[in-house]
Amino acid sequence: MPSTNNIAFTAPINPPGHSPVLTVDQIWNGLLLKIRSAETFVPAAIQSTKVVSESYDDNGNPVTVREVLFRESQKAVQETVTAFEASRVEFVQSEGSKINNVISEGADGELYMTYMFEWRHPGVSKEELAALAEKERTMSQMAVEGTIKVLRQLVEEKKL
């Protein structure tokens, strides 16, 4: 029986009328900051981030092992985070769930942020999985739009 929800959400990074216009470098630096300080980007969900270790994979990509404390459950979860410059950051949780934050470019050079989630829920019923999927879809939209909002705010504050 399936026990995984695969969900993705995409939003434009620089929609008409929004300023400042964010560059790929600013966005990438923001995602690197998010690895070390997730609570800056999703304070409603994550209370704190603690870096456990830093290294590099066989391809030279930076790998950070971190522990995030989720606000609602007060549950600490260890994640292995790999940064693939300058297009995506992959978060793999200890129980196997995966999250990818992807910066992509459209045909006319416009920038998009996509979050892809592979939420694993072993042992849940089909009905429970469907209910979790609805909650996770809403959360994925809030996470993408919230990250873009925080990136823009950090650029305005000259922190990126």
N, C-alpha and C. Protein backbone atom coordinates (compact mmCIF):
# COMPACT_ATOMS: atom_id res chain seq x y z
N MET A 1 0.85 -1.19 0.00
CA MET A 1 0.00 0.00 0.00
C MET A 1 0.89 1.24 0.00
N PRO A 2 0.58 2.23 -0.86
CA PRO A 2 1.39 3.45 -0.89
C PRO A 2 1.38 4.16 0.46
N SER A 3 2.55 4.66 0.83
CA SER A 3 2.64 5.38 2.10
C SER A 3 3.45 6.66 1.94
N THR A 4 3.47 7.18 0.70
CA THR A 4 4.25 8.38 0.40
C THR A 4 3.39 9.38 -0.34
N ASN A 5 3.46 10.65 0.06
CA ASN A 5 2.82 11.73 -0.68
C ASN A 5 3.92 12.48 -1.43
N ASN A 6 3.79 12.54 -2.75
CA ASN A 6 4.70 13.30 -3.59
C ASN A 6 3.99 14.57 -4.03
N ILE A 7 4.52 15.71 -3.61
CA ILE A 7 3.84 16.99 -3.82
C ILE A 7 4.88 18.01 -4.31
N ALA A 8 4.50 18.83 -5.26
CA ALA A 8 5.39 19.91 -5.71
C ALA A 8 4.57 21.18 -5.88
N PHE A 9 5.22 22.31 -5.62
CA PHE A 9 4.58 23.61 -5.81
C PHE A 9 5.61 24.57 -6.37
N THR A 10 5.19 25.39 -7.33
CA THR A 10 6.06 26.36 -7.99
C THR A 10 5.43 27.74 -7.92
N ALA A 11 6.28 28.75 -7.70
CA ALA A 11 5.82 30.14 -7.73
C ALA A 11 6.87 30.99 -8.42
N PRO A 12 6.43 32.06 -9.13
CA PRO A 12 7.40 32.98 -9.73
C PRO A 12 8.13 33.74 -8.63
N ILE A 13 9.42 33.94 -8.81
CA ILE A 13 10.22 34.66 -7.82
C ILE A 13 10.09 36.16 -7.97
N ASN A 14 10.02 36.63 -9.20
CA ASN A 14 9.94 38.07 -9.47
C ASN A 14 8.69 38.40 -10.29
N PRO A 15 7.50 38.21 -9.71
CA PRO A 15 6.29 38.55 -10.47
C PRO A 15 6.22 40.05 -10.72
N PRO A 16 5.49 40.47 -11.75
CA PRO A 16 5.37 41.90 -12.05
C PRO A 16 4.93 42.69 -10.82
N GLY A 17 5.56 43.85 -10.62
CA GLY A 17 5.18 44.73 -9.54
C GLY A 17 5.89 44.47 -8.22
N HIS A 18 6.70 43.41 -8.15
CA HIS A 18 7.42 43.12 -6.91
C HIS A 18 8.85 43.64 -7.00
N SER A 19 9.29 44.27 -5.95
CA SER A 19 10.68 44.71 -5.92
C SER A 19 11.19 44.55 -4.50
N PRO A 20 12.50 44.41 -4.33
CA PRO A 20 13.48 44.39 -5.41
C PRO A 20 13.40 43.10 -6.22
N VAL A 21 13.89 43.18 -7.46
CA VAL A 21 13.99 42.00 -8.31
C VAL A 21 15.18 41.19 -7.80
N LEU A 22 14.93 39.93 -7.50
CA LEU A 22 15.97 39.07 -6.93
C LEU A 22 16.80 38.41 -8.03
N THR A 23 18.11 38.33 -7.80
CA THR A 23 19.02 37.68 -8.74
C THR A 23 19.24 36.23 -8.30
N VAL A 24 19.75 35.42 -9.21
CA VAL A 24 20.06 34.03 -8.88
C VAL A 24 21.06 33.97 -7.72
N ASP A 25 22.08 34.84 -7.73
CA ASP A 25 23.06 34.84 -6.64
C ASP A 25 22.40 35.14 -5.30
N GLN A 26 21.51 36.10 -5.26
CA GLN A 26 20.83 36.44 -4.01
C GLN A 26 19.95 35.27 -3.53
N ILE A 27 19.25 34.67 -4.47
CA ILE A 27 18.38 33.54 -4.13
C ILE A 27 19.22 32.38 -3.62
N TRP A 28 20.31 32.08 -4.32
CA TRP A 28 21.18 30.97 -3.91
C TRP A 28 21.77 31.22 -2.52
N ASN A 29 22.26 32.42 -2.28
CA ASN A 29 22.80 32.74 -0.96
C ASN A 29 21.73 32.62 0.12
N GLY A 30 20.49 32.96 -0.23
CA GLY A 30 19.39 32.79 0.71
C GLY A 30 19.14 31.32 1.02
N LEU A 31 19.18 30.47 0.00
CA LEU A 31 18.99 29.04 0.26
C LEU A 31 20.12 28.47 1.10
N LEU A 32 21.34 28.97 0.89
CA LEU A 32 22.46 28.52 1.73
C LEU A 32 22.25 28.95 3.18
N LEU A 33 21.71 30.15 3.38
CA LEU A 33 21.39 30.61 4.73
C LEU A 33 20.29 29.74 5.34
N LYS A 34 19.32 29.34 4.52
CA LYS A 34 18.21 28.51 4.99
C LYS A 34 18.70 27.17 5.55
N ILE A 35 19.79 26.66 4.98
CA ILE A 35 20.36 25.40 5.49
C ILE A 35 20.75 25.56 6.95
N ARG A 36 21.36 26.69 7.28
CA ARG A 36 21.88 26.92 8.64
C ARG A 36 20.86 27.56 9.58
N SER A 37 19.83 28.17 9.01
CA SER A 37 18.86 28.90 9.82
C SER A 37 17.46 28.76 9.23
N ALA A 38 16.91 27.56 9.30
CA ALA A 38 15.59 27.30 8.71
C ALA A 38 14.51 28.16 9.34
N GLU A 39 14.67 28.48 10.63
CA GLU A 39 13.65 29.27 11.33
C GLU A 39 13.52 30.68 10.78
N THR A 40 14.54 31.18 10.10
CA THR A 40 14.46 32.49 9.46
C THR A 40 13.42 32.47 8.34
N PHE A 41 13.26 31.32 7.70
CA PHE A 41 12.38 31.20 6.53
C PHE A 41 11.01 30.62 6.86
N VAL A 42 10.94 29.72 7.82
CA VAL A 42 9.67 29.11 8.20
C VAL A 42 9.51 29.11 9.72
N PRO A 43 9.43 30.31 10.31
CA PRO A 43 9.38 30.40 11.77
C PRO A 43 8.13 29.77 12.38
N ALA A 44 7.05 29.68 11.62
CA ALA A 44 5.83 29.07 12.15
C ALA A 44 6.00 27.56 12.32
N ALA A 45 6.88 26.96 11.51
CA ALA A 45 7.06 25.51 11.55
C ALA A 45 8.32 25.08 12.29
N ILE A 46 9.41 25.83 12.13
CA ILE A 46 10.69 25.41 12.70
C ILE A 46 11.13 26.40 13.77
N GLN A 47 11.43 25.87 14.93
CA GLN A 47 11.83 26.69 16.07
C GLN A 47 13.33 26.98 16.06
N SER A 48 14.15 25.97 15.67
CA SER A 48 15.60 26.19 15.68
C SER A 48 16.29 25.21 14.74
N THR A 49 17.51 25.58 14.38
CA THR A 49 18.37 24.76 13.53
C THR A 49 19.73 24.65 14.20
N LYS A 50 20.23 23.43 14.29
CA LYS A 50 21.57 23.22 14.86
C LYS A 50 22.39 22.44 13.84
N VAL A 51 23.52 23.02 13.40
CA VAL A 51 24.41 22.33 12.47
C VAL A 51 25.21 21.29 13.26
N VAL A 52 25.13 20.04 12.80
CA VAL A 52 25.83 18.93 13.46
C VAL A 52 27.19 18.72 12.82
N SER A 53 27.24 18.76 11.48
CA SER A 53 28.52 18.57 10.78
C SER A 53 28.43 19.16 9.38
N GLU A 54 29.62 19.43 8.82
CA GLU A 54 29.72 19.93 7.45
C GLU A 54 30.83 19.17 6.74
N SER A 55 30.57 18.80 5.49
CA SER A 55 31.56 18.07 4.70
C SER A 55 31.24 18.30 3.22
N TYR A 56 31.84 17.49 2.35
CA TYR A 56 31.58 17.56 0.91
C TYR A 56 31.35 16.15 0.40
N ASP A 57 30.45 16.03 -0.59
CA ASP A 57 30.24 14.72 -1.19
C ASP A 57 31.33 14.47 -2.23
N ASP A 58 31.26 13.32 -2.90
CA ASP A 58 32.29 12.93 -3.88
C ASP A 58 32.37 13.87 -5.07
N ASN A 59 31.32 14.66 -5.31
CA ASN A 59 31.32 15.61 -6.42
C ASN A 59 31.67 17.03 -5.99
N GLY A 60 32.04 17.21 -4.72
CA GLY A 60 32.43 18.53 -4.23
C GLY A 60 31.27 19.39 -3.76
N ASN A 61 30.07 18.81 -3.67
CA ASN A 61 28.91 19.57 -3.19
C ASN A 61 28.94 19.62 -1.67
N PRO A 62 28.67 20.80 -1.09
CA PRO A 62 28.64 20.88 0.37
C PRO A 62 27.48 20.08 0.96
N VAL A 63 27.78 19.34 2.03
CA VAL A 63 26.79 18.52 2.72
C VAL A 63 26.77 18.96 4.18
N THR A 64 25.59 19.31 4.66
CA THR A 64 25.42 19.74 6.04
C THR A 64 24.46 18.77 6.73
N VAL A 65 24.88 18.24 7.87
CA VAL A 65 23.96 17.47 8.69
C VAL A 65 23.47 18.44 9.76
N ARG A 66 22.15 18.55 9.87
CA ARG A 66 21.58 19.51 10.82
C ARG A 66 20.44 18.85 11.58
N GLU A 67 20.11 19.48 12.69
CA GLU A 67 18.96 19.04 13.46
C GLU A 67 18.00 20.23 13.54
N VAL A 68 16.77 20.00 13.11
CA VAL A 68 15.76 21.05 13.19
C VAL A 68 14.74 20.65 14.24
N LEU A 69 14.32 21.65 15.00
CA LEU A 69 13.29 21.43 16.03
C LEU A 69 11.99 22.00 15.50
N PHE A 70 11.01 21.11 15.29
CA PHE A 70 9.71 21.54 14.79
C PHE A 70 8.88 22.11 15.93
N ARG A 71 8.33 23.28 15.68
CA ARG A 71 7.63 24.05 16.71
C ARG A 71 6.41 23.30 17.27
N GLU A 72 5.53 22.84 16.38
CA GLU A 72 4.27 22.26 16.83
C GLU A 72 4.46 20.97 17.63
N SER A 73 5.28 20.05 17.09
CA SER A 73 5.46 18.75 17.73
C SER A 73 6.57 18.74 18.79
N GLN A 74 7.42 19.78 18.77
CA GLN A 74 8.61 19.82 19.61
C GLN A 74 9.49 18.60 19.35
N LYS A 75 9.45 18.12 18.10
CA LYS A 75 10.23 16.96 17.68
C LYS A 75 11.47 17.45 16.94
N ALA A 76 12.63 16.93 17.35
CA ALA A 76 13.89 17.24 16.66
C ALA A 76 14.09 16.19 15.57
N VAL A 77 14.38 16.66 14.36
CA VAL A 77 14.58 15.78 13.22
C VAL A 77 15.94 16.07 12.61
N GLN A 78 16.71 15.00 12.38
CA GLN A 78 18.00 15.18 11.73
C GLN A 78 17.81 15.12 10.22
N GLU A 79 18.48 16.04 9.53
CA GLU A 79 18.42 16.10 8.07
C GLU A 79 19.83 16.18 7.52
N THR A 80 20.03 15.52 6.39
CA THR A 80 21.27 15.66 5.63
C THR A 80 20.93 16.54 4.44
N VAL A 81 21.63 17.67 4.33
CA VAL A 81 21.30 18.67 3.33
C VAL A 81 22.46 18.81 2.35
N THR A 82 22.18 18.64 1.07
CA THR A 82 23.20 18.78 0.03
C THR A 82 22.83 19.95 -0.87
N ALA A 83 23.81 20.84 -1.09
CA ALA A 83 23.59 22.02 -1.94
C ALA A 83 24.21 21.76 -3.31
N PHE A 84 23.41 21.88 -4.35
CA PHE A 84 23.85 21.69 -5.73
C PHE A 84 23.84 23.06 -6.40
N GLU A 85 24.98 23.75 -6.34
CA GLU A 85 25.09 25.14 -6.79
C GLU A 85 24.75 25.28 -8.25
N ALA A 86 24.03 26.24 -8.65
CA ALA A 86 23.17 27.15 -7.90
C ALA A 86 21.74 26.87 -8.28
N SER A 87 21.36 25.57 -8.26
CA SER A 87 20.01 25.25 -8.71
C SER A 87 19.12 24.58 -7.68
N ARG A 88 19.70 23.77 -6.76
CA ARG A 88 18.80 23.11 -5.82
C ARG A 88 19.51 22.73 -4.54
N VAL A 89 18.68 22.61 -3.51
CA VAL A 89 19.12 22.12 -2.21
C VAL A 89 18.22 20.94 -1.87
N GLU A 90 18.86 19.82 -1.50
CA GLU A 90 18.11 18.61 -1.17
C GLU A 90 18.23 18.33 0.32
N PHE A 91 17.09 18.14 0.96
CA PHE A 91 17.00 17.83 2.39
C PHE A 91 16.50 16.40 2.51
N VAL A 92 17.25 15.53 3.19
CA VAL A 92 16.82 14.16 3.40
C VAL A 92 16.71 13.93 4.90
N GLN A 93 15.48 13.62 5.35
CA GLN A 93 15.26 13.40 6.77
C GLN A 93 15.64 11.97 7.14
N SER A 94 15.90 11.76 8.41
CA SER A 94 16.39 10.47 8.88
C SER A 94 15.45 9.31 8.55
N GLU A 95 14.12 9.55 8.47
CA GLU A 95 13.20 8.46 8.13
C GLU A 95 12.98 8.32 6.64
N GLY A 96 13.70 9.11 5.82
CA GLY A 96 13.66 8.93 4.38
C GLY A 96 12.88 9.97 3.60
N SER A 97 12.09 10.81 4.27
CA SER A 97 11.39 11.87 3.53
C SER A 97 12.40 12.80 2.89
N LYS A 98 12.05 13.33 1.71
CA LYS A 98 12.96 14.23 0.98
C LYS A 98 12.24 15.50 0.59
N ILE A 99 13.00 16.59 0.60
CA ILE A 99 12.49 17.88 0.17
C ILE A 99 13.55 18.49 -0.74
N ASN A 100 13.15 19.00 -1.88
CA ASN A 100 14.06 19.71 -2.77
C ASN A 100 13.56 21.13 -2.95
N ASN A 101 14.47 22.10 -2.80
CA ASN A 101 14.19 23.50 -3.10
C ASN A 101 14.93 23.78 -4.40
N VAL A 102 14.19 24.12 -5.44
CA VAL A 102 14.77 24.25 -6.78
C VAL A 102 14.56 25.66 -7.32
N ILE A 103 15.63 26.24 -7.84
CA ILE A 103 15.56 27.51 -8.57
C ILE A 103 15.60 27.14 -10.04
N SER A 104 14.60 27.58 -10.80
CA SER A 104 14.60 27.27 -12.23
C SER A 104 14.31 28.52 -13.03
N GLU A 105 14.60 28.40 -14.33
CA GLU A 105 14.45 29.54 -15.24
C GLU A 105 13.46 29.17 -16.33
N GLY A 106 12.55 30.10 -16.64
CA GLY A 106 11.58 29.89 -17.70
C GLY A 106 12.16 30.29 -19.05
N ALA A 107 11.36 30.10 -20.10
CA ALA A 107 11.80 30.35 -21.47
C ALA A 107 12.24 31.80 -21.71
N ASP A 108 11.65 32.73 -20.96
CA ASP A 108 11.99 34.14 -21.15
C ASP A 108 12.93 34.67 -20.07
N GLY A 109 13.58 33.75 -19.34
CA GLY A 109 14.53 34.17 -18.32
C GLY A 109 13.93 34.44 -16.95
N GLU A 110 12.61 34.27 -16.82
CA GLU A 110 11.97 34.49 -15.53
C GLU A 110 12.39 33.37 -14.57
N LEU A 111 12.46 33.71 -13.28
CA LEU A 111 12.91 32.76 -12.27
C LEU A 111 11.73 32.20 -11.48
N TYR A 112 11.84 30.92 -11.14
CA TYR A 112 10.81 30.22 -10.37
C TYR A 112 11.45 29.49 -9.19
N MET A 113 10.65 29.34 -8.15
CA MET A 113 11.05 28.52 -7.00
C MET A 113 10.06 27.36 -6.93
N THR A 114 10.61 26.15 -6.91
CA THR A 114 9.79 24.95 -6.78
C THR A 114 10.27 24.18 -5.56
N TYR A 115 9.32 23.75 -4.76
CA TYR A 115 9.62 22.82 -3.67
C TYR A 115 8.98 21.50 -4.04
N MET A 116 9.75 20.43 -3.96
CA MET A 116 9.25 19.08 -4.20
C MET A 116 9.38 18.31 -2.89
N PHE A 117 8.30 17.68 -2.49
CA PHE A 117 8.26 16.95 -1.24
C PHE A 117 7.97 15.48 -1.51
N GLU A 118 8.69 14.61 -0.83
CA GLU A 118 8.41 13.18 -0.81
C GLU A 118 8.22 12.84 0.67
N TRP A 119 6.97 12.98 1.12
CA TRP A 119 6.66 12.76 2.54
C TRP A 119 6.33 11.30 2.76
N ARG A 120 7.09 10.65 3.61
CA ARG A 120 6.86 9.23 3.90
C ARG A 120 6.04 9.08 5.18
N HIS A 121 5.02 8.26 5.08
CA HIS A 121 4.12 8.01 6.21
C HIS A 121 3.86 6.51 6.33
N PRO A 122 4.86 5.74 6.75
CA PRO A 122 4.67 4.29 6.81
C PRO A 122 3.55 3.92 7.79
N GLY A 123 2.75 2.95 7.38
CA GLY A 123 1.73 2.41 8.27
C GLY A 123 0.43 3.18 8.35
N VAL A 124 0.27 4.25 7.57
CA VAL A 124 -1.00 4.99 7.63
C VAL A 124 -1.99 4.42 6.61
N SER A 125 -3.26 4.61 6.89
CA SER A 125 -4.30 4.14 5.97
C SER A 125 -4.36 5.05 4.75
N LYS A 126 -5.07 4.56 3.73
CA LYS A 126 -5.26 5.35 2.51
C LYS A 126 -5.95 6.67 2.83
N GLU A 127 -6.93 6.63 3.72
CA GLU A 127 -7.67 7.83 4.11
C GLU A 127 -6.77 8.81 4.86
N GLU A 128 -5.95 8.28 5.78
CA GLU A 128 -5.02 9.14 6.53
C GLU A 128 -4.01 9.78 5.58
N LEU A 129 -3.53 8.99 4.61
CA LEU A 129 -2.56 9.51 3.64
C LEU A 129 -3.18 10.65 2.83
N ALA A 130 -4.43 10.50 2.43
CA ALA A 130 -5.13 11.54 1.66
C ALA A 130 -5.30 12.80 2.50
N ALA A 131 -5.64 12.65 3.77
CA ALA A 131 -5.81 13.81 4.65
C ALA A 131 -4.47 14.52 4.85
N LEU A 132 -3.41 13.75 5.02
CA LEU A 132 -2.07 14.33 5.17
C LEU A 132 -1.67 15.07 3.89
N ALA A 133 -2.04 14.52 2.73
CA ALA A 133 -1.69 15.14 1.45
C ALA A 133 -2.31 16.53 1.32
N GLU A 134 -3.56 16.67 1.76
CA GLU A 134 -4.20 17.99 1.70
C GLU A 134 -3.45 19.00 2.56
N LYS A 135 -3.10 18.60 3.75
CA LYS A 135 -2.35 19.47 4.67
C LYS A 135 -0.97 19.81 4.07
N GLU A 136 -0.33 18.81 3.47
CA GLU A 136 1.01 19.00 2.90
C GLU A 136 0.97 19.89 1.65
N ARG A 137 -0.10 19.81 0.85
CA ARG A 137 -0.23 20.70 -0.31
C ARG A 137 -0.30 22.16 0.14
N THR A 138 -1.12 22.42 1.13
CA THR A 138 -1.25 23.79 1.66
C THR A 138 0.08 24.27 2.22
N MET A 139 0.75 23.39 2.97
CA MET A 139 2.03 23.74 3.57
C MET A 139 3.09 24.01 2.50
N SER A 140 3.08 23.23 1.41
CA SER A 140 4.09 23.42 0.37
C SER A 140 3.95 24.78 -0.30
N GLN A 141 2.71 25.21 -0.55
CA GLN A 141 2.49 26.53 -1.13
C GLN A 141 2.97 27.62 -0.17
N MET A 142 2.61 27.49 1.11
CA MET A 142 3.04 28.48 2.10
C MET A 142 4.56 28.52 2.22
N ALA A 143 5.22 27.36 2.12
CA ALA A 143 6.68 27.30 2.25
C ALA A 143 7.36 28.01 1.09
N VAL A 144 6.89 27.78 -0.13
CA VAL A 144 7.49 28.42 -1.30
C VAL A 144 7.27 29.93 -1.26
N GLU A 145 6.01 30.32 -1.10
CA GLU A 145 5.70 31.76 -1.10
C GLU A 145 6.35 32.46 0.09
N GLY A 146 6.41 31.80 1.23
CA GLY A 146 7.05 32.38 2.41
C GLY A 146 8.54 32.55 2.22
N THR A 147 9.19 31.57 1.59
CA THR A 147 10.63 31.66 1.34
C THR A 147 10.93 32.84 0.41
N ILE A 148 10.15 32.99 -0.64
CA ILE A 148 10.37 34.10 -1.58
C ILE A 148 10.19 35.44 -0.85
N LYS A 149 9.18 35.53 -0.02
CA LYS A 149 8.92 36.76 0.74
C LYS A 149 10.10 37.08 1.66
N VAL A 150 10.63 36.07 2.35
CA VAL A 150 11.77 36.28 3.25
C VAL A 150 13.02 36.65 2.45
N LEU A 151 13.23 36.01 1.31
CA LEU A 151 14.39 36.36 0.45
C LEU A 151 14.33 37.84 0.07
N ARG A 152 13.15 38.29 -0.36
CA ARG A 152 13.01 39.69 -0.76
C ARG A 152 13.27 40.62 0.42
N GLN A 153 12.75 40.26 1.60
CA GLN A 153 12.96 41.06 2.81
C GLN A 153 14.45 41.12 3.18
N LEU A 154 15.15 39.99 3.08
CA LEU A 154 16.58 39.96 3.41
C LEU A 154 17.39 40.81 2.44
N VAL A 155 16.99 40.81 1.16
CA VAL A 155 17.67 41.67 0.17
C VAL A 155 17.40 43.14 0.49
N GLU A 156 16.14 43.48 0.82
CA GLU A 156 15.82 44.86 1.18
C GLU A 156 16.63 45.33 2.38
N GLU A 157 16.86 44.42 3.34
CA GLU A 157 17.63 44.73 4.54
C GLU A 157 19.14 44.63 4.32
N LYS A 158 19.54 44.36 3.07
CA LYS A 158 20.94 44.24 2.68
C LYS A 158 21.66 43.12 3.45
N LYS A 159 20.92 42.05 3.72
CA LYS A 159 21.49 40.90 4.42
C LYS A 159 21.85 39.76 3.45
N LEU A 160 21.50 39.95 2.17
CA LEU A 160 21.87 38.98 1.14
C LEU A 160 22.53 39.71 -0.01
